[in-house]
């Protein structure tokens, strides 16, 4: 099991690389991603949601979010 710091570092690296698979791997298999477009479930939902918010698709990375407002809530269990 990774420490919270290791998970965060991995998340930052994956985000910088535009690696949606690595980003989604930081979430639980039953994660819920909620956006103005609706509710997405599971790691595939996380990939779809994060990809839409950050304009990541087909290897294309945009340096700024496509969404004018983004909020993140993260919870975990030990």
PDB file of N, CA and C in Angstrom:
ATOM      1  N   UNK A   1       0.833  -1.173   0.000  1.00  0.00           N
ATOM      2  CA  UNK A   1       0.000   0.000   0.000  1.00  0.00           C
ATOM      3  C   UNK A   1       0.886   1.248   0.000  1.00  0.00           C
ATOM      4  N   UNK A   2       0.527   2.215  -0.841  1.00  0.00           N
ATOM      5  CA  UNK A   2       1.290   3.461  -0.918  1.00  0.00           C
ATOM      6  C   UNK A   2       0.852   4.430   0.174  1.00  0.00           C
ATOM      7  N   UNK A   3       1.783   5.279   0.554  1.00  0.00           N
ATOM      8  CA  UNK A   3       1.462   6.330   1.512  1.00  0.00           C
ATOM      9  C   UNK A   3       0.658   7.411   0.787  1.00  0.00           C
ATOM     10  N   UNK A   4      -0.028   8.275   1.527  1.00  0.00           N
ATOM     11  CA  UNK A   4      -0.730   9.391   0.877  1.00  0.00           C
ATOM     12  C   UNK A   4       0.222  10.258   0.043  1.00  0.00           C
ATOM     13  N   UNK A   5       1.436  10.455   0.525  1.00  0.00           N
ATOM     14  CA  UNK A   5       2.410  11.263  -0.204  1.00  0.00           C
ATOM     15  C   UNK A   5       2.789  10.597  -1.530  1.00  0.00           C
ATOM     16  N   UNK A   6       3.003   9.277  -1.498  1.00  0.00           N
ATOM     17  CA  UNK A   6       3.341   8.552  -2.730  1.00  0.00           C
ATOM     18  C   UNK A   6       2.190   8.613  -3.731  1.00  0.00           C
ATOM     19  N   UNK A   7       0.975   8.469  -3.232  1.00  0.00           N
ATOM     20  CA  UNK A   7      -0.194   8.543  -4.108  1.00  0.00           C
ATOM     21  C   UNK A   7      -0.298   9.920  -4.735  1.00  0.00           C
ATOM     22  N   UNK A   8      -0.107  10.963  -3.937  1.00  0.00           N
ATOM     23  CA  UNK A   8      -0.182  12.325  -4.464  1.00  0.00           C
ATOM     24  C   UNK A   8       0.909  12.567  -5.496  1.00  0.00           C
ATOM     25  N   UNK A   9       2.142  12.131  -5.218  1.00  0.00           N
ATOM     26  CA  UNK A   9       3.237  12.299  -6.176  1.00  0.00           C
ATOM     27  C   UNK A   9       2.937  11.579  -7.486  1.00  0.00           C
ATOM     28  N   UNK A  10       2.398  10.370  -7.389  1.00  0.00           N
ATOM     29  CA  UNK A  10       2.022   9.628  -8.586  1.00  0.00           C
ATOM     30  C   UNK A  10       0.944  10.370  -9.359  1.00  0.00           C
ATOM     31  N   UNK A  11      -0.013  10.922  -8.637  1.00  0.00           N
ATOM     32  CA  UNK A  11      -1.115  11.653  -9.264  1.00  0.00           C
ATOM     33  C   UNK A  11      -0.586  12.876 -10.020  1.00  0.00           C
ATOM     34  N   UNK A  12       0.329  13.606  -9.408  1.00  0.00           N
ATOM     35  CA  UNK A  12       0.911  14.800 -10.044  1.00  0.00           C
ATOM     36  C   UNK A  12       1.690  14.400 -11.297  1.00  0.00           C
ATOM     37  N   UNK A  13       2.486  13.327 -11.209  1.00  0.00           N
ATOM     38  CA  UNK A  13       3.249  12.865 -12.385  1.00  0.00           C
ATOM     39  C   UNK A  13       2.307  12.450 -13.509  1.00  0.00           C
ATOM     40  N   UNK A  14       1.268  11.695 -13.168  1.00  0.00           N
ATOM     41  CA  UNK A  14       0.317  11.235 -14.188  1.00  0.00           C
ATOM     42  C   UNK A  14      -0.414  12.413 -14.817  1.00  0.00           C
ATOM     43  N   UNK A  15      -0.773  13.380 -14.007  1.00  0.00           N
ATOM     44  CA  UNK A  15      -1.457  14.571 -14.517  1.00  0.00           C
ATOM     45  C   UNK A  15      -0.551  15.339 -15.473  1.00  0.00           C
ATOM     46  N   UNK A  16       0.700  15.527 -15.088  1.00  0.00           N
ATOM     47  CA  UNK A  16       1.659  16.242 -15.936  1.00  0.00           C
ATOM     48  C   UNK A  16       1.884  15.523 -17.262  1.00  0.00           C
ATOM     49  N   UNK A  17       1.820  14.182 -17.222  1.00  0.00           N
ATOM     50  CA  UNK A  17       2.032  13.379 -18.433  1.00  0.00           C
ATOM     51  C   UNK A  17       0.753  13.198 -19.241  1.00  0.00           C
ATOM     52  N   UNK A  18      -0.383  13.607 -18.688  1.00  0.00           N
ATOM     53  CA  UNK A  18      -1.653  13.395 -19.373  1.00  0.00           C
ATOM     54  C   UNK A  18      -2.037  11.930 -19.439  1.00  0.00           C
ATOM     55  N   UNK A  19      -1.611  11.146 -18.447  1.00  0.00           N
ATOM     56  CA  UNK A  19      -1.833   9.699 -18.417  1.00  0.00           C
ATOM     57  C   UNK A  19      -3.117   9.380 -17.642  1.00  0.00           C
ATOM     58  N   UNK A  20      -4.220   9.273 -18.361  1.00  0.00           N
ATOM     59  CA  UNK A  20      -5.513   9.024 -17.718  1.00  0.00           C
ATOM     60  C   UNK A  20      -5.575   7.673 -17.024  1.00  0.00           C
ATOM     61  N   UNK A  21      -4.904   6.664 -17.568  1.00  0.00           N
ATOM     62  CA  UNK A  21      -4.899   5.345 -16.923  1.00  0.00           C
ATOM     63  C   UNK A  21      -4.230   5.423 -15.552  1.00  0.00           C
ATOM     64  N   UNK A  22      -3.082   6.095 -15.483  1.00  0.00           N
ATOM     65  CA  UNK A  22      -2.371   6.233 -14.209  1.00  0.00           C
ATOM     66  C   UNK A  22      -3.177   7.097 -13.235  1.00  0.00           C
ATOM     67  N   UNK A  23      -3.820   8.140 -13.727  1.00  0.00           N
ATOM     68  CA  UNK A  23      -4.671   8.970 -12.867  1.00  0.00           C
ATOM     69  C   UNK A  23      -5.802   8.141 -12.275  1.00  0.00           C
ATOM     70  N   UNK A  24      -6.490   7.394 -13.124  1.00  0.00           N
ATOM     71  CA  UNK A  24      -7.634   6.603 -12.669  1.00  0.00           C
ATOM     72  C   UNK A  24      -7.209   5.516 -11.691  1.00  0.00           C
ATOM     73  N   UNK A  25      -5.986   5.002 -11.830  1.00  0.00           N
ATOM     74  CA  UNK A  25      -5.501   3.963 -10.931  1.00  0.00           C
ATOM     75  C   UNK A  25      -5.371   4.460  -9.495  1.00  0.00           C
ATOM     76  N   UNK A  26      -5.332   5.772  -9.305  1.00  0.00           N
ATOM     77  CA  UNK A  26      -5.255   6.347  -7.955  1.00  0.00           C
ATOM     78  C   UNK A  26      -6.609   6.381  -7.262  1.00  0.00           C
ATOM     79  N   UNK A  27      -7.654   5.990  -7.959  1.00  0.00           N
ATOM     80  CA  UNK A  27      -9.007   5.998  -7.402  1.00  0.00           C
ATOM     81  C   UNK A  27      -9.479   4.571  -7.151  1.00  0.00           C
ATOM     82  N   UNK A  28     -10.400   4.415  -6.239  1.00  0.00           N
ATOM     83  CA  UNK A  28     -10.977   3.102  -5.953  1.00  0.00           C
ATOM     84  C   UNK A  28     -11.761   2.607  -7.165  1.00  0.00           C
ATOM     85  N   UNK A  29     -11.877   1.294  -7.317  1.00  0.00           N
ATOM     86  CA  UNK A  29     -12.641   0.744  -8.435  1.00  0.00           C
ATOM     87  C   UNK A  29     -14.094   1.220  -8.465  1.00  0.00           C
ATOM     88  N   UNK A  30     -14.636   1.569  -7.304  1.00  0.00           N
ATOM     89  CA  UNK A  30     -16.026   2.021  -7.251  1.00  0.00           C
ATOM     90  C   UNK A  30     -16.139   3.544  -7.072  1.00  0.00           C
ATOM     91  N   UNK A  31     -15.128   4.278  -7.525  1.00  0.00           N
ATOM     92  CA  UNK A  31     -15.120   5.737  -7.409  1.00  0.00           C
ATOM     93  C   UNK A  31     -16.327   6.353  -8.110  1.00  0.00           C
ATOM     94  N   UNK A  32     -16.723   7.509  -7.632  1.00  0.00           N
ATOM     95  CA  UNK A  32     -17.825   8.262  -8.241  1.00  0.00           C
ATOM     96  C   UNK A  32     -17.291   9.638  -8.611  1.00  0.00           C
ATOM     97  N   UNK A  33     -17.433  10.012  -9.865  1.00  0.00           N
ATOM     98  CA  UNK A  33     -16.996  11.316 -10.370  1.00  0.00           C
ATOM     99  C   UNK A  33     -18.255  12.108 -10.708  1.00  0.00           C
ATOM    100  N   UNK A  34     -18.428  13.225 -10.047  1.00  0.00           N
ATOM    101  CA  UNK A  34     -19.631  14.039 -10.246  1.00  0.00           C
ATOM    102  C   UNK A  34     -19.238  15.351 -10.895  1.00  0.00           C
ATOM    103  N   UNK A  35     -19.898  15.673 -11.990  1.00  0.00           N
ATOM    104  CA  UNK A  35     -19.650  16.940 -12.678  1.00  0.00           C
ATOM    105  C   UNK A  35     -20.980  17.514 -13.139  1.00  0.00           C
ATOM    106  N   UNK A  36     -20.918  18.692 -13.731  1.00  0.00           N
ATOM    107  CA  UNK A  36     -22.149  19.301 -14.245  1.00  0.00           C
ATOM    108  C   UNK A  36     -22.772  18.463 -15.358  1.00  0.00           C
ATOM    109  N   UNK A  37     -21.969  17.589 -15.965  1.00  0.00           N
ATOM    110  CA  UNK A  37     -22.470  16.717 -17.029  1.00  0.00           C
ATOM    111  C   UNK A  37     -23.170  15.472 -16.480  1.00  0.00           C
ATOM    112  N   UNK A  38     -22.988  15.209 -15.177  1.00  0.00           N
ATOM    113  CA  UNK A  38     -23.647  14.052 -14.587  1.00  0.00           C
ATOM    114  C   UNK A  38     -22.722  13.253 -13.694  1.00  0.00           C
ATOM    115  N   UNK A  39     -23.162  12.054 -13.360  1.00  0.00           N
ATOM    116  CA  UNK A  39     -22.428  11.163 -12.464  1.00  0.00           C
ATOM    117  C   UNK A  39     -21.777  10.057 -13.284  1.00  0.00           C
ATOM    118  N   UNK A  40     -20.480   9.866 -13.075  1.00  0.00           N
ATOM    119  CA  UNK A  40     -19.730   8.805 -13.745  1.00  0.00           C
ATOM    120  C   UNK A  40     -19.198   7.871 -12.677  1.00  0.00           C
ATOM    121  N   UNK A  41     -19.162   6.582 -12.980  1.00  0.00           N
ATOM    122  CA  UNK A  41     -18.782   5.596 -11.962  1.00  0.00           C
ATOM    123  C   UNK A  41     -17.598   4.739 -12.410  1.00  0.00           C
ATOM    124  N   UNK A  42     -16.830   4.322 -11.404  1.00  0.00           N
ATOM    125  CA  UNK A  42     -15.698   3.438 -11.647  1.00  0.00           C
ATOM    126  C   UNK A  42     -14.500   4.172 -12.216  1.00  0.00           C
ATOM    127  N   UNK A  43     -13.425   3.441 -12.400  1.00  0.00           N
ATOM    128  CA  UNK A  43     -12.205   4.052 -12.935  1.00  0.00           C
ATOM    129  C   UNK A  43     -12.398   4.555 -14.358  1.00  0.00           C
ATOM    130  N   UNK A  44     -13.215   3.855 -15.139  1.00  0.00           N
ATOM    131  CA  UNK A  44     -13.494   4.343 -16.498  1.00  0.00           C
ATOM    132  C   UNK A  44     -14.226   5.681 -16.431  1.00  0.00           C
ATOM    133  N   UNK A  45     -15.133   5.826 -15.483  1.00  0.00           N
ATOM    134  CA  UNK A  45     -15.829   7.088 -15.289  1.00  0.00           C
ATOM    135  C   UNK A  45     -14.882   8.197 -14.861  1.00  0.00           C
ATOM    136  N   UNK A  46     -13.941   7.848 -13.977  1.00  0.00           N
ATOM    137  CA  UNK A  46     -12.930   8.824 -13.549  1.00  0.00           C
ATOM    138  C   UNK A  46     -12.114   9.279 -14.757  1.00  0.00           C
ATOM    139  N   UNK A  47     -11.687   8.336 -15.586  1.00  0.00           N
ATOM    140  CA  UNK A  47     -10.915   8.699 -16.781  1.00  0.00           C
ATOM    141  C   UNK A  47     -11.716   9.619 -17.699  1.00  0.00           C
ATOM    142  N   UNK A  48     -12.975   9.280 -17.902  1.00  0.00           N
ATOM    143  CA  UNK A  48     -13.829  10.095 -18.767  1.00  0.00           C
ATOM    144  C   UNK A  48     -14.014  11.494 -18.171  1.00  0.00           C
ATOM    145  N   UNK A  49     -14.294  11.551 -16.879  1.00  0.00           N
ATOM    146  CA  UNK A  49     -14.535  12.837 -16.232  1.00  0.00           C
ATOM    147  C   UNK A  49     -13.307  13.714 -16.174  1.00  0.00           C
ATOM    148  N   UNK A  50     -12.185  13.153 -15.739  1.00  0.00           N
ATOM    149  CA  UNK A  50     -10.947  13.934 -15.668  1.00  0.00           C
ATOM    150  C   UNK A  50     -10.507  14.340 -17.067  1.00  0.00           C
ATOM    151  N   UNK A  51     -10.642  13.433 -18.015  1.00  0.00           N
ATOM    152  CA  UNK A  51     -10.280  13.763 -19.400  1.00  0.00           C
ATOM    153  C   UNK A  51     -11.083  14.939 -19.929  1.00  0.00           C
ATOM    154  N   UNK A  52     -12.359  14.968 -19.609  1.00  0.00           N
ATOM    155  CA  UNK A  52     -13.210  16.074 -20.072  1.00  0.00           C
ATOM    156  C   UNK A  52     -12.843  17.380 -19.377  1.00  0.00           C
ATOM    157  N   UNK A  53     -12.601  17.325 -18.074  1.00  0.00           N
ATOM    158  CA  UNK A  53     -12.264  18.539 -17.331  1.00  0.00           C
ATOM    159  C   UNK A  53     -10.925  19.104 -17.785  1.00  0.00           C
ATOM    160  N   UNK A  54      -9.962  18.242 -18.049  1.00  0.00           N
ATOM    161  CA  UNK A  54      -8.616  18.693 -18.389  1.00  0.00           C
ATOM    162  C   UNK A  54      -8.315  18.646 -19.880  1.00  0.00           C
ATOM    163  N   UNK A  55      -9.304  18.327 -20.683  1.00  0.00           N
ATOM    164  CA  UNK A  55      -9.122  18.246 -22.145  1.00  0.00           C
ATOM    165  C   UNK A  55      -8.027  17.262 -22.526  1.00  0.00           C
ATOM    166  N   UNK A  56      -8.035  16.099 -21.896  1.00  0.00           N
ATOM    167  CA  UNK A  56      -7.064  15.067 -22.220  1.00  0.00           C
ATOM    168  C   UNK A  56      -7.759  13.973 -23.022  1.00  0.00           C
ATOM    169  N   UNK A  57      -7.347  13.833 -24.239  1.00  0.00           N
ATOM    170  CA  UNK A  57      -7.877  12.739 -25.051  1.00  0.00           C
ATOM    171  C   UNK A  57      -6.961  12.522 -26.236  1.00  0.00           C
ATOM    172  N   UNK A  58      -6.819  11.301 -26.624  1.00  0.00           N
ATOM    173  CA  UNK A  58      -6.014  10.929 -27.785  1.00  0.00           C
ATOM    174  C   UNK A  58      -4.625  11.569 -27.744  1.00  0.00           C
ATOM    175  N   UNK A  59      -4.025  11.594 -26.551  1.00  0.00           N
ATOM    176  CA  UNK A  59      -2.676  12.122 -26.426  1.00  0.00           C
ATOM    177  C   UNK A  59      -2.586  13.637 -26.477  1.00  0.00           C
ATOM    178  N   UNK A  60      -3.700  14.332 -26.487  1.00  0.00           N
ATOM    179  CA  UNK A  60      -3.694  15.798 -26.556  1.00  0.00           C
ATOM    180  C   UNK A  60      -3.816  16.344 -25.143  1.00  0.00           C
ATOM    181  N   UNK A  61      -2.888  17.203 -24.768  1.00  0.00           N
ATOM    182  CA  UNK A  61      -2.919  17.798 -23.438  1.00  0.00           C
ATOM    183  C   UNK A  61      -3.024  19.308 -23.563  1.00  0.00           C
ATOM    184  N   UNK A  62      -3.932  19.880 -22.830  1.00  0.00           N
ATOM    185  CA  UNK A  62      -4.087  21.333 -22.783  1.00  0.00           C
ATOM    186  C   UNK A  62      -3.658  21.773 -21.391  1.00  0.00           C
ATOM    187  N   UNK A  63      -2.907  22.835 -21.298  1.00  0.00           N
ATOM    188  CA  UNK A  63      -2.312  23.249 -20.025  1.00  0.00           C
ATOM    189  C   UNK A  63      -3.308  23.805 -19.022  1.00  0.00           C
ATOM    190  N   UNK A  64      -4.508  24.093 -19.446  1.00  0.00           N
ATOM    191  CA  UNK A  64      -5.494  24.657 -18.521  1.00  0.00           C
ATOM    192  C   UNK A  64      -6.785  23.851 -18.598  1.00  0.00           C
ATOM    193  N   UNK A  65      -7.539  23.850 -17.515  1.00  0.00           N
ATOM    194  CA  UNK A  65      -8.811  23.114 -17.547  1.00  0.00           C
ATOM    195  C   UNK A  65      -9.787  23.708 -18.546  1.00  0.00           C
ATOM    196  N   UNK A  66     -10.583  22.855 -19.160  1.00  0.00           N
ATOM    197  CA  UNK A  66     -11.632  23.321 -20.068  1.00  0.00           C
ATOM    198  C   UNK A  66     -12.824  23.841 -19.274  1.00  0.00           C
ATOM    199  N   UNK A  67     -12.944  23.378 -18.057  1.00  0.00           N
ATOM    200  CA  UNK A  67     -14.061  23.765 -17.213  1.00  0.00           C
ATOM    201  C   UNK A  67     -13.743  25.077 -16.512  1.00  0.00           C
ATOM    202  N   UNK A  68     -14.683  26.026 -16.482  1.00  0.00           N
ATOM    203  CA  UNK A  68     -14.407  27.293 -15.803  1.00  0.00           C
ATOM    204  C   UNK A  68     -14.328  27.143 -14.290  1.00  0.00           C
ATOM    205  N   UNK A  69     -14.906  26.097 -13.748  1.00  0.00           N
ATOM    206  CA  UNK A  69     -14.857  25.882 -12.299  1.00  0.00           C
ATOM    207  C   UNK A  69     -14.667  24.400 -12.013  1.00  0.00           C
ATOM    208  N   UNK A  70     -13.681  24.087 -11.224  1.00  0.00           N
ATOM    209  CA  UNK A  70     -13.410  22.704 -10.875  1.00  0.00           C
ATOM    210  C   UNK A  70     -13.267  22.600  -9.370  1.00  0.00           C
ATOM    211  N   UNK A  71     -13.895  21.606  -8.806  1.00  0.00           N
ATOM    212  CA  UNK A  71     -13.795  21.360  -7.372  1.00  0.00           C
ATOM    213  C   UNK A  71     -13.476  19.894  -7.171  1.00  0.00           C
ATOM    214  N   UNK A  72     -12.610  19.605  -6.236  1.00  0.00           N
ATOM    215  CA  UNK A  72     -12.221  18.224  -5.986  1.00  0.00           C
ATOM    216  C   UNK A  72     -12.425  17.891  -4.522  1.00  0.00           C
ATOM    217  N   UNK A  73     -13.044  16.780  -4.282  1.00  0.00           N
ATOM    218  CA  UNK A  73     -13.195  16.275  -2.925  1.00  0.00           C
ATOM    219  C   UNK A  73     -12.611  14.875  -2.895  1.00  0.00           C
ATOM    220  N   UNK A  74     -11.707  14.624  -1.985  1.00  0.00           N
ATOM    221  CA  UNK A  74     -11.000  13.357  -1.954  1.00  0.00           C
ATOM    222  C   UNK A  74     -11.148  12.767  -0.562  1.00  0.00           C
ATOM    223  N   UNK A  75     -11.561  11.535  -0.499  1.00  0.00           N
ATOM    224  CA  UNK A  75     -11.619  10.866   0.798  1.00  0.00           C
ATOM    225  C   UNK A  75     -11.014   9.486   0.654  1.00  0.00           C
ATOM    226  N   UNK A  76     -10.553   8.949   1.736  1.00  0.00           N
ATOM    227  CA  UNK A  76      -9.941   7.635   1.669  1.00  0.00           C
ATOM    228  C   UNK A  76     -10.065   6.899   2.977  1.00  0.00           C
ATOM    229  N   UNK A  77      -9.748   5.625   2.921  1.00  0.00           N
ATOM    230  CA  UNK A  77      -9.767   4.765   4.108  1.00  0.00           C
ATOM    231  C   UNK A  77      -8.392   4.159   4.303  1.00  0.00           C
ATOM    232  N   UNK A  78      -8.039   3.923   5.516  1.00  0.00           N
ATOM    233  CA  UNK A  78      -6.757   3.277   5.821  1.00  0.00           C
ATOM    234  C   UNK A  78      -7.023   1.844   6.206  1.00  0.00           C
TER     235      UNK A  78
END
